[in-house]
Amino acid sequence: METLSNNQPNPTRQAEPEPEALAQVLELLQKHKLIQAVVDKQNLPALRKLLEQLSTKSIGNIIEALSSDDQQFVWEHIRDERKEEILLGISDDMRVELVSEIKPRDQSTMIRVFDLHKGCLRQIPIESRRDLAGAKPIWVDLVTPEDEQLSWAREIFGVDIPNPNDLTDLETSARFYVEDNGEIHLHSNFLLDRKEESRNVTVAFILNRGTLFSVRSEELPVFRLQRLRARAESGYVSEAKDILLDLYAADVEYSANALENVYYEMENISKRVLGARISDNEAEDMLAMIASEEDLNGRIRRNVLDTRNALSFLMRRKILSMEQHEEGNEILRDIDSLDGHTAFLFNKIKFLLDATDSTININQNKDIKRLTILGVVFMPLNILAGIGGMSEFSMMTQAVPWQVAYGCLMLTMIVIGGFTYIGLKVYERYKNRHWIKSKRA
C-alpha cells in the first residue's frame, strides 16, 4: 500500500444524478411530507415503482443529492436485494451512515448463512431451526442473535459460539487459540467510524470443519461490503479461510480510508491554527477537534495492530495454504504502511496541540499586558489622587477656591496620564524597530 488510497476506489466524487429522475423523487417526497396519510396509499407505491425502474448507479447518485432524512426514507423503500450493489457506488461516509442505520428486524437479518454456488457466495434464507439444520454453509454470520438462534447454531454445528454481549477486551493469549478438537478461535477488533462517534467493535470468529462463524453486537460496513464482493465476483472466495482473510484485508482498507479523513481534518485545523489570530473560544473548539482526531487515530492504530496479531497467529499455526499465506503477507505489508501514517499523524497532532496551547498563552499574555499598561498609566494618578485627598493639600490651597484647586489637580492628572500612555507607546515602537533591525542584521 504505497498510498492510502491504493487498491480501492475513491467514490467521494459522485456523478450528477439524472435531473428528471431526481425531480420525480423530490416531488414524491414532498407529497409524502404534505399529506402523509394519502401518500402512504398512493405515492409510496409510485416511489417504489420508480426506484425499481432506475439503475443502481442512478439511485446512488440520487441518494447522494438528498437531505439526510430523505436519504433514509428512500433507503427504506429499496429492495434489500439491490441495497448492497448500491452501496458500492456511493461515498464511504454515505455508506457508513446508511449501513449504521440498519437494525436487525427479523431472524433473517440476525443470522445469515452462506454457501458456495457456482464460485460465488449465496445467502440461504433462514426462518426456522429446520432451515438451519438443512444448510451446508461456508459462512454463518450472527449479528445480535437471539438466545434461541444461538442455541440452534451451537446444537446443529457443535460449536461453542459466544454471546456477542459477552465479548470484551481480553489478553492476547485468550483471544487467539485452538481447541483440542481443532476449532480455531479469534477475537478481533473492527473499526466503526461514524461522524458522531468512532469506536472499535469486537468480533468473534470460529473456524470449524470448513465453516467460518462470525459473531458481533452490531452491523459493520466491512462485513456488508465483503458480502457484496463475494456475491458479485465468481471465484472471489473458495473456502472459509478466504472469507476470513478478505474481512481482515477490508478492515485494513477501511482503516486507510479513515486515516485519509483524519489527514483532511488535520489540514483544515492547521489552516485555522496557523492562519489569522484566533480567539480563546475558537482555540477551545479546535482543542476538542484535535482530541477527537487523536482518539480516532489511536483507535486505527490499535485496530491494525490487532489485525496484525490475528494474521500472525494464523500464519504461525500453518493452517493457511501457500496462496493464503502470501495474501496474509500482503495484508501485513499494508499494515506496515499504515503504521508510518499513524505515527506521522501523532506527531502532527502533538504539534497542533502545542500550537493551539501557545495561541491561548499568547492571548492571555496580551490581556495581562493591557492590564499592566493600565496599571502603569494609573500609578502616578493614584499618587496625585492620594495627595489631593490629604489635609495638607487643603491647607496649601485654602486661598484658592476649591473648584479651581481640584480642577487644576484633575487637569494635571489627565496630562500626566496622557504623557505616560504616549511614552509607553513610543517605547514599544522603539523596541519593535530595534528587534527588527537586529533580526535583519
Protein backbone atom coordinates (compact mmCIF):
# COMPACT_ATOMS: atom_id res chain seq x y z
CA MET A 1 0.00 0.00 0.00
CA GLU A 2 2.14 2.83 -1.31
CA THR A 3 -0.58 5.37 -0.72
CA LEU A 4 -3.60 5.38 1.46
CA SER A 5 -5.98 5.08 -1.47
CA ASN A 6 -4.30 2.19 -3.35
CA ASN A 7 -6.30 -0.99 -4.02
CA GLN A 8 -9.61 0.78 -3.52
CA PRO A 9 -11.91 3.10 -5.43
CA ASN A 10 -12.35 6.66 -4.38
CA PRO A 11 -16.07 7.25 -4.54
CA THR A 12 -16.06 10.65 -2.88
CA ARG A 13 -16.82 12.41 -6.17
CA GLN A 14 -20.16 11.27 -7.49
CA ALA A 15 -21.68 11.83 -10.91
CA GLU A 16 -24.55 14.26 -11.08
CA PRO A 17 -27.91 12.48 -10.69
CA GLU A 18 -30.26 12.42 -13.64
CA PRO A 19 -32.24 15.70 -13.34
CA GLU A 20 -35.55 14.19 -14.40
CA ALA A 21 -35.32 11.20 -12.04
CA LEU A 22 -34.15 13.40 -9.15
CA ALA A 23 -37.03 15.81 -9.75
CA GLN A 24 -39.54 12.95 -9.69
CA VAL A 25 -38.13 11.55 -6.45
CA LEU A 26 -38.14 15.00 -4.79
CA GLU A 27 -41.71 15.62 -5.93
CA LEU A 28 -42.92 12.34 -4.43
CA LEU A 29 -41.06 13.01 -1.19
CA GLN A 30 -42.64 16.46 -0.95
CA LYS A 31 -46.10 14.98 -1.41
CA HIS A 32 -45.31 12.48 1.30
CA LYS A 33 -44.43 15.24 3.73
CA LEU A 34 -47.52 17.33 2.94
CA ILE A 35 -50.18 14.63 3.02
CA GLN A 36 -48.79 11.70 4.99
CA ALA A 37 -51.89 9.53 5.13
CA VAL A 38 -52.79 9.93 1.45
CA VAL A 39 -49.26 9.42 0.23
CA ASP A 40 -48.94 6.14 2.11
CA LYS A 41 -51.68 4.74 -0.11
CA GLN A 42 -50.93 6.49 -3.38
CA ASN A 43 -47.40 7.90 -3.72
CA LEU A 44 -45.35 5.27 -1.90
CA PRO A 45 -46.19 2.61 -4.49
CA ALA A 46 -45.25 5.12 -7.18
CA LEU A 47 -41.95 5.80 -5.43
CA ARG A 48 -41.17 2.08 -5.17
CA LYS A 49 -42.08 1.58 -8.82
CA LEU A 50 -39.81 4.45 -9.88
CA LEU A 51 -36.91 3.09 -7.81
CA GLU A 52 -37.37 -0.33 -9.44
CA GLN A 53 -37.10 1.23 -12.89
CA LEU A 54 -33.91 3.19 -12.12
CA SER A 55 -30.44 1.66 -12.32
CA THR A 56 -28.45 1.16 -9.12
CA LYS A 57 -25.99 3.85 -10.24
CA SER A 58 -28.82 6.37 -10.70
CA ILE A 59 -30.28 5.52 -7.30
CA GLY A 60 -26.87 6.01 -5.68
CA ASN A 61 -26.47 9.44 -7.30
CA ILE A 62 -29.98 10.44 -6.21
CA ILE A 63 -29.34 9.37 -2.61
CA GLU A 64 -26.14 11.46 -2.53
CA ALA A 65 -28.16 14.54 -3.61
CA LEU A 66 -30.90 14.19 -0.96
CA SER A 67 -31.05 15.51 2.59
CA SER A 68 -30.30 13.16 5.50
CA ASP A 69 -33.95 12.44 6.34
CA ASP A 70 -34.90 11.88 2.69
CA GLN A 71 -31.91 9.58 2.22
CA GLN A 72 -33.10 7.29 5.00
CA PHE A 73 -36.69 7.40 3.73
CA VAL A 74 -35.70 6.42 0.18
CA TRP A 75 -33.29 3.77 1.50
CA GLU A 76 -36.09 2.08 3.44
CA HIS A 77 -38.12 1.65 0.24
CA ILE A 78 -35.38 -0.01 -1.81
CA ARG A 79 -35.46 -3.78 -2.07
CA ASP A 80 -32.85 -5.49 0.14
CA GLU A 81 -31.54 -7.39 -2.87
CA ARG A 82 -30.43 -4.10 -4.51
CA LYS A 83 -29.06 -2.33 -1.44
CA GLU A 84 -25.64 -3.93 -1.34
CA GLU A 85 -24.96 -3.18 -5.01
CA ILE A 86 -25.99 0.44 -4.45
CA LEU A 87 -23.59 0.72 -1.50
CA LEU A 88 -20.61 0.02 -3.77
CA GLY A 89 -21.33 3.12 -5.86
CA ILE A 90 -21.64 5.72 -3.11
CA SER A 91 -19.09 7.51 -0.96
CA ASP A 92 -17.53 5.92 2.13
CA ASP A 93 -19.19 8.38 4.54
CA MET A 94 -22.61 7.84 3.00
CA ARG A 95 -22.13 4.07 3.06
CA VAL A 96 -21.33 4.16 6.79
CA GLU A 97 -24.39 6.29 7.54
CA LEU A 98 -26.76 4.03 5.63
CA VAL A 99 -25.31 0.78 6.96
CA SER A 100 -25.16 2.01 10.56
CA GLU A 101 -28.88 2.76 10.49
CA ILE A 102 -29.76 -0.83 9.61
CA LYS A 103 -31.11 -2.66 12.64
CA PRO A 104 -31.96 -6.35 12.76
CA ARG A 105 -35.74 -6.63 12.44
CA ASP A 106 -36.23 -10.37 11.95
CA GLN A 107 -34.40 -13.66 12.11
CA SER A 108 -33.09 -13.44 8.55
CA THR A 109 -31.12 -10.31 9.45
CA MET A 110 -29.88 -11.64 12.80
CA ILE A 111 -28.42 -14.86 11.42
CA ARG A 112 -27.12 -15.00 7.86
CA VAL A 113 -26.00 -18.28 6.31
CA PHE A 114 -23.98 -18.51 3.09
CA ASP A 115 -22.85 -21.39 0.92
CA LEU A 116 -20.85 -21.56 -2.30
CA HIS A 117 -22.84 -21.66 -5.53
CA LYS A 118 -21.02 -21.51 -8.88
CA GLY A 119 -17.99 -19.95 -7.23
CA CYS A 120 -19.95 -17.16 -5.50
CA LEU A 121 -21.41 -16.69 -2.06
CA ARG A 122 -25.13 -17.36 -1.89
CA GLN A 123 -27.28 -16.43 1.09
CA ILE A 124 -29.64 -19.13 2.33
CA PRO A 125 -32.92 -17.87 3.85
CA ILE A 126 -33.20 -18.96 7.50
CA GLU A 127 -36.62 -18.74 9.08
CA SER A 128 -36.56 -21.74 11.40
CA ARG A 129 -34.30 -24.29 13.04
CA ARG A 130 -35.15 -26.72 10.25
CA ASP A 131 -33.78 -24.34 7.61
CA LEU A 132 -30.52 -24.00 9.51
CA ALA A 133 -30.19 -27.76 10.02
CA GLY A 134 -30.57 -28.40 6.29
CA ALA A 135 -27.90 -25.90 5.26
CA LYS A 136 -24.30 -26.74 4.39
CA PRO A 137 -22.75 -23.31 4.94
CA ILE A 138 -19.29 -21.94 4.35
CA TRP A 139 -20.05 -18.84 6.48
CA VAL A 140 -22.52 -18.27 9.33
CA ASP A 141 -22.76 -14.58 10.29
CA LEU A 142 -24.61 -13.69 13.51
CA VAL A 143 -25.43 -10.07 14.40
CA THR A 144 -27.01 -9.62 17.86
CA PRO A 145 -28.68 -13.04 17.57
CA GLU A 146 -31.39 -14.10 19.98
CA ASP A 147 -30.63 -16.79 22.56
CA GLU A 148 -32.78 -19.21 20.62
CA GLN A 149 -30.78 -18.71 17.44
CA LEU A 150 -27.50 -19.12 19.31
CA SER A 151 -28.79 -22.41 20.69
CA TRP A 152 -29.72 -23.57 17.17
CA ALA A 153 -26.22 -22.88 15.85
CA ARG A 154 -24.49 -24.47 18.84
CA GLU A 155 -26.56 -27.64 18.70
CA ILE A 156 -26.60 -28.09 14.91
CA PHE A 157 -22.93 -27.35 14.24
CA GLY A 158 -21.49 -28.44 17.58
CA VAL A 159 -19.58 -25.19 18.02
CA ASP A 160 -19.24 -23.15 21.22
CA ILE A 161 -20.39 -19.79 19.85
CA PRO A 162 -20.03 -16.92 22.38
CA ASN A 163 -22.78 -14.45 23.10
CA PRO A 164 -21.94 -11.09 21.42
CA ASN A 165 -22.90 -9.24 24.61
CA ASP A 166 -20.11 -11.06 26.45
CA LEU A 167 -17.35 -10.07 24.02
CA THR A 168 -14.91 -7.86 25.92
CA ASP A 169 -11.25 -6.91 25.75
CA LEU A 170 -9.17 -9.98 26.52
CA GLU A 171 -5.49 -10.78 26.81
CA THR A 172 -3.87 -11.77 23.51
CA SER A 173 -3.42 -15.34 24.70
CA ALA A 174 -7.18 -15.58 25.35
CA ARG A 175 -8.21 -14.01 22.06
CA PHE A 176 -6.36 -16.34 19.67
CA TYR A 177 -6.30 -20.06 20.46
CA VAL A 178 -7.04 -23.53 19.09
CA GLU A 179 -9.30 -26.01 20.86
CA ASP A 180 -8.41 -29.69 21.26
CA ASN A 181 -11.00 -30.58 18.62
CA GLY A 182 -9.32 -28.29 16.08
CA GLU A 183 -11.62 -25.27 16.42
CA ILE A 184 -9.78 -22.02 15.80
CA HIS A 185 -11.00 -19.05 17.88
CA LEU A 186 -10.11 -15.43 17.16
CA HIS A 187 -11.44 -12.27 18.85
CA SER A 188 -10.59 -9.25 16.70
CA ASN A 189 -11.42 -5.54 16.75
CA PHE A 190 -13.02 -3.92 13.70
CA LEU A 191 -13.21 -0.16 13.26
CA LEU A 192 -16.59 1.59 13.09
CA ASP A 193 -16.05 5.20 12.02
CA ARG A 194 -19.10 7.44 12.34
CA LYS A 195 -19.40 11.22 12.27
CA GLU A 196 -20.72 11.43 15.81
CA GLU A 197 -18.60 8.62 17.28
CA SER A 198 -15.80 6.25 16.33
CA ARG A 199 -15.12 3.02 18.17
CA ASN A 200 -13.75 -0.50 17.84
CA VAL A 201 -16.27 -3.35 17.74
CA THR A 202 -15.16 -6.79 18.91
CA VAL A 203 -15.93 -9.67 16.53
CA ALA A 204 -15.54 -13.35 17.46
CA PHE A 205 -14.50 -15.78 14.70
CA ILE A 206 -14.61 -19.56 14.90
CA LEU A 207 -13.22 -21.78 12.15
CA ASN A 208 -14.58 -25.31 12.39
CA ARG A 209 -14.70 -28.05 9.73
CA GLY A 210 -14.54 -25.68 6.80
CA THR A 211 -17.14 -23.23 8.15
CA LEU A 212 -16.48 -19.71 9.42
CA PHE A 213 -18.69 -18.42 12.24
CA SER A 214 -18.65 -14.68 12.99
CA VAL A 215 -20.45 -13.10 15.96
CA ARG A 216 -20.77 -9.40 16.77
CA SER A 217 -23.09 -6.96 18.51
CA GLU A 218 -23.82 -4.66 15.54
CA GLU A 219 -23.59 -4.40 11.78
CA LEU A 220 -20.29 -3.23 10.30
CA PRO A 221 -19.69 -1.71 6.84
CA VAL A 222 -16.71 -4.03 6.27
CA PHE A 223 -18.87 -7.14 6.54
CA ARG A 224 -21.62 -5.76 4.34
CA LEU A 225 -19.15 -4.76 1.64
CA GLN A 226 -17.41 -8.14 1.71
CA ARG A 227 -20.71 -9.98 1.35
CA LEU A 228 -21.40 -7.98 -1.79
CA ARG A 229 -17.95 -8.55 -3.28
CA ALA A 230 -18.09 -12.30 -2.67
CA ARG A 231 -21.58 -12.48 -4.18
CA ALA A 232 -20.75 -10.45 -7.26
CA GLU A 233 -17.35 -11.90 -8.21
CA SER A 234 -17.04 -15.53 -9.19
CA GLY A 235 -14.04 -17.21 -7.57
CA TYR A 236 -13.62 -14.39 -5.05
CA VAL A 237 -13.71 -16.97 -2.25
CA SER A 238 -13.30 -20.74 -2.34
CA GLU A 239 -13.33 -21.64 1.37
CA ALA A 240 -13.96 -20.22 4.83
CA LYS A 241 -10.36 -19.06 5.37
CA ASP A 242 -10.59 -16.91 2.23
CA ILE A 243 -13.57 -15.09 3.75
CA LEU A 244 -11.66 -14.51 6.99
CA LEU A 245 -8.60 -13.11 5.20
CA ASP A 246 -10.77 -10.91 2.99
CA LEU A 247 -12.52 -9.47 6.05
CA TYR A 248 -9.16 -8.58 7.59
CA ALA A 249 -8.00 -7.04 4.29
CA ALA A 250 -11.20 -5.00 4.02
CA ASP A 251 -10.74 -3.78 7.59
CA VAL A 252 -7.27 -2.52 6.69
CA GLU A 253 -8.73 -0.70 3.67
CA TYR A 254 -11.46 0.79 5.84
CA SER A 255 -8.82 1.95 8.34
CA ALA A 256 -6.86 3.54 5.47
CA ASN A 257 -9.99 5.47 4.42
CA ALA A 258 -10.47 6.63 7.99
CA LEU A 259 -6.84 7.83 8.06
CA GLU A 260 -7.45 9.83 4.90
CA ASN A 261 -10.31 11.58 6.68
CA VAL A 262 -8.01 12.31 9.64
CA TYR A 263 -5.48 13.86 7.24
CA TYR A 264 -8.21 16.04 5.74
CA GLU A 265 -9.46 17.22 9.14
CA MET A 266 -5.92 17.95 10.39
CA GLU A 267 -5.21 20.06 7.29
CA ASN A 268 -8.31 22.15 7.99
CA ILE A 269 -7.32 22.59 11.62
CA SER A 270 -3.76 23.53 10.61
CA LYS A 271 -5.03 26.33 8.36
CA ARG A 272 -7.06 27.77 11.22
CA VAL A 273 -4.39 27.41 13.91
CA LEU A 274 -1.51 28.74 11.77
CA GLY A 275 -3.59 31.35 9.96
CA ALA A 276 -5.13 34.50 11.36
CA ARG A 277 -5.39 35.24 15.07
CA ILE A 278 -7.96 33.04 16.77
CA SER A 279 -9.95 33.74 19.90
CA ASP A 280 -9.89 31.67 23.07
CA ASN A 281 -13.32 30.20 22.23
CA GLU A 282 -12.13 29.14 18.77
CA ALA A 283 -8.99 27.65 20.28
CA GLU A 284 -11.14 25.69 22.73
CA ASP A 285 -13.20 24.28 19.85
CA MET A 286 -10.06 23.33 17.96
CA LEU A 287 -8.64 21.56 21.00
CA ALA A 288 -11.80 19.45 21.10
CA MET A 289 -11.49 18.68 17.38
CA ILE A 290 -7.82 17.73 17.71
CA ALA A 291 -8.60 15.49 20.68
CA SER A 292 -11.31 13.74 18.65
CA GLU A 293 -8.96 13.11 15.72
CA GLU A 294 -6.26 11.89 18.12
CA ASP A 295 -8.72 9.40 19.58
CA LEU A 296 -9.66 8.13 16.09
CA ASN A 297 -6.00 7.85 15.10
CA GLY A 298 -5.33 5.83 18.24
CA ARG A 299 -8.26 3.51 17.51
CA ILE A 300 -7.00 2.97 13.97
CA ARG A 301 -3.53 2.12 15.27
CA ARG A 302 -4.99 -0.30 17.80
CA ASN A 303 -7.24 -1.82 15.14
CA VAL A 304 -4.46 -2.57 12.67
CA LEU A 305 -2.24 -3.86 15.49
CA ASP A 306 -4.97 -6.31 16.45
CA THR A 307 -5.32 -7.38 12.80
CA ARG A 308 -1.56 -7.95 12.62
CA ASN A 309 -1.70 -10.16 15.71
CA ALA A 310 -4.56 -12.21 14.26
CA LEU A 311 -2.78 -12.72 10.92
CA SER A 312 0.48 -13.62 12.64
CA PHE A 313 -1.38 -16.22 14.70
CA LEU A 314 -2.93 -17.79 11.58
CA MET A 315 0.41 -17.87 9.77
CA ARG A 316 2.30 -19.34 12.73
CA ARG A 317 -0.26 -22.12 13.06
CA LYS A 318 0.42 -23.10 9.43
CA ILE A 319 -3.25 -23.54 8.64
CA LEU A 320 -3.12 -21.33 5.54
CA SER A 321 -2.32 -22.51 2.04
CA MET A 322 0.63 -21.03 0.13
CA GLU A 323 -1.71 -18.66 -1.71
CA GLN A 324 -3.41 -17.58 1.50
CA HIS A 325 -0.04 -17.21 3.23
CA GLU A 326 1.09 -14.80 0.51
CA GLU A 327 -2.18 -12.87 0.82
CA GLY A 328 -1.57 -12.62 4.56
CA ASN A 329 1.91 -11.23 3.92
CA GLU A 330 0.42 -8.64 1.56
CA ILE A 331 -2.04 -7.52 4.24
CA LEU A 332 0.82 -7.26 6.76
CA ARG A 333 2.75 -5.04 4.32
CA ASP A 334 -0.29 -2.79 4.03
CA ILE A 335 -0.47 -2.60 7.82
CA ASP A 336 3.23 -1.63 7.98
CA SER A 337 2.45 1.20 5.56
CA LEU A 338 -0.38 2.43 7.78
CA ASP A 339 1.90 2.39 10.83
CA GLY A 340 4.01 5.13 9.28
CA HIS A 341 0.96 7.27 8.64
CA THR A 342 -0.42 6.88 12.17
CA ALA A 343 2.99 7.78 13.63
CA PHE A 344 3.17 10.88 11.43
CA LEU A 345 -0.34 11.91 12.47
CA PHE A 346 0.52 11.51 16.15
CA ASN A 347 3.43 13.96 15.68
CA LYS A 348 1.23 16.37 13.72
CA ILE A 349 -1.48 16.20 16.36
CA LYS A 350 1.09 16.91 19.08
CA PHE A 351 2.40 19.91 17.10
CA LEU A 352 -1.12 21.33 16.63
CA LEU A 353 -1.91 20.82 20.31
CA ASP A 354 1.24 22.75 21.24
CA ALA A 355 0.46 25.46 18.68
CA THR A 356 -3.11 25.86 19.94
CA ASP A 357 -1.93 25.94 23.53
CA SER A 358 0.65 28.58 22.59
CA THR A 359 -2.08 30.65 20.95
CA ILE A 360 -4.10 30.57 24.15
CA ASN A 361 -1.00 31.63 26.15
CA ILE A 362 -0.29 34.47 23.71
CA ASN A 363 -3.88 35.73 24.08
CA GLN A 364 -3.55 35.59 27.88
CA ASN A 365 -0.21 37.42 27.74
CA LYS A 366 -1.79 40.17 25.64
CA ASP A 367 -4.58 40.55 28.20
CA ILE A 368 -2.02 40.75 31.02
CA LYS A 369 -0.04 43.30 29.01
CA ARG A 370 -3.11 45.52 28.67
CA LEU A 371 -3.68 45.34 32.42
CA THR A 372 -0.01 46.17 33.05
CA ILE A 373 -0.23 49.24 30.80
CA LEU A 374 -3.33 50.41 32.63
CA GLY A 375 -1.54 49.89 35.95
CA VAL A 376 1.49 51.94 34.83
CA VAL A 377 -0.74 54.74 33.48
CA PHE A 378 -2.81 54.98 36.65
CA MET A 379 0.06 54.61 39.12
CA PRO A 380 1.09 58.34 39.13
CA LEU A 381 -2.59 59.28 39.02
CA ASN A 382 -3.21 57.28 42.18
CA ILE A 383 -0.35 59.16 43.87
CA LEU A 384 -1.79 62.53 42.84
CA ALA A 385 -5.27 61.44 43.94
CA GLY A 386 -3.82 60.48 47.32
CA ILE A 387 -2.15 63.87 47.65
CA GLY A 388 -5.37 65.63 46.71
CA GLY A 389 -7.20 63.87 49.48
CA MET A 390 -4.65 64.92 52.17
CA SER A 391 -5.37 67.78 54.60
CA GLU A 392 -2.03 69.40 53.64
CA PHE A 393 -3.37 69.96 50.11
CA SER A 394 -6.40 71.80 51.52
CA MET A 395 -4.13 73.96 53.66
CA MET A 396 -1.89 74.79 50.69
CA THR A 397 -4.86 75.76 48.51
CA GLN A 398 -7.06 77.43 51.13
CA ALA A 399 -6.60 80.83 49.44
CA VAL A 400 -7.78 79.31 46.13
CA PRO A 401 -11.40 78.38 45.53
CA TRP A 402 -11.78 74.60 45.81
CA GLN A 403 -13.33 74.42 42.36
CA VAL A 404 -10.19 75.87 40.82
CA ALA A 405 -7.81 73.85 43.02
CA TYR A 406 -9.37 70.49 42.32
CA GLY A 407 -9.97 71.41 38.69
CA CYS A 408 -6.24 72.04 38.27
CA LEU A 409 -5.50 68.76 40.06
CA MET A 410 -7.79 66.85 37.68
CA LEU A 411 -6.23 68.55 34.65
CA THR A 412 -2.74 67.69 35.93
CA MET A 413 -3.77 64.06 36.36
CA ILE A 414 -5.11 63.88 32.79
CA VAL A 415 -1.93 65.45 31.36
CA ILE A 416 0.36 63.13 33.31
CA GLY A 417 -1.75 60.06 32.38
CA GLY A 418 -1.69 61.06 28.71
CA PHE A 419 2.08 61.61 28.68
CA THR A 420 2.63 58.27 30.46
CA TYR A 421 0.50 56.41 27.88
CA ILE A 422 2.22 58.13 24.94
CA GLY A 423 5.63 57.39 26.46
CA LEU A 424 4.78 53.68 26.74
CA LYS A 425 3.64 53.55 23.11
CA VAL A 426 6.81 55.32 21.88
CA TYR A 427 8.96 52.91 23.89
CA GLU A 428 7.11 49.89 22.46
CA ARG A 429 7.60 51.12 18.86
CA TYR A 430 11.28 51.80 19.50
CA LYS A 431 11.72 48.32 20.95
CA ASN A 432 9.97 46.69 17.93
CA ARG A 433 12.15 48.61 15.46
CA HIS A 434 15.29 47.66 17.32
CA TRP A 435 14.20 43.97 17.30
CA ILE A 436 13.50 44.06 13.52
CA LYS A 437 16.91 45.64 12.81
CA SER A 438 18.68 43.03 14.93
CA LYS A 439 16.89 40.24 13.05
CA ARG A 440 17.89 41.69 9.67
CA ALA A 441 21.45 42.05 10.82
